[in-house]
Amino acid sequence: MLPQRRLSVWGYALMLVLSSGSVLWAGATGSGGGDVAIVAHPDVPVDNLSLAELRKVFLGDRQFWNTKLRVTLLMRAPEARERNVVLKVIYQMTEAQFRQYWIGKVFRAEAAAGPKIFYSNEMAAELISKIPGAIGFVDAAQIPKGLKVIKVDGRLPGEKGYPLH
């Protein structure tokens, strides 16, 4: 019989694989679309992150905002256009590489869990507003009220040179 820790890792890995469906990288849903906004809980003590710093946060390499506030990463469910943008620009991975990355990170105990999954901008707003330290992303045309929009490389969505589109 496997120890409890290993069961939870394998259970998480199975859940991650099953929740990701059979998304093909080339088959991003929808065409076109605008910028993707990085949004966070209002108490997150950053207003601007470089793309490299944002990548560290999303890869789980930065696990704390400060000594008292843990980073909680939220990720849109597979097949969403915003997720595909984040996978391409921030993670620089395909859907399959992303799944393998988080399975490995959890299995090696480098992270307690992978990103929390959300299915809509409304769900993102609710989760991010209730979880101190939470960060995620939404379609910039639908930024929910009450969330902090994080600048990326000093730029907000819609500004020239904003990288997430």
Foldseek 3Di string as FASTA:
>chain_A
DDDPLQVVLVVQLVVLVVQQPDDDLVCQPDDDAFFKWKWAAPPQPAQEDALQRVLCLQLCVQQASDPVFGAAEEAEGHNHNQNSLCCCRRVVHGSVVVSVSQSVCCNVVVDVHHHHYDHALVRVVVVRNVGTNYMYIDRPVDHDPNIRTHHYPNHGTPDPPRRRD
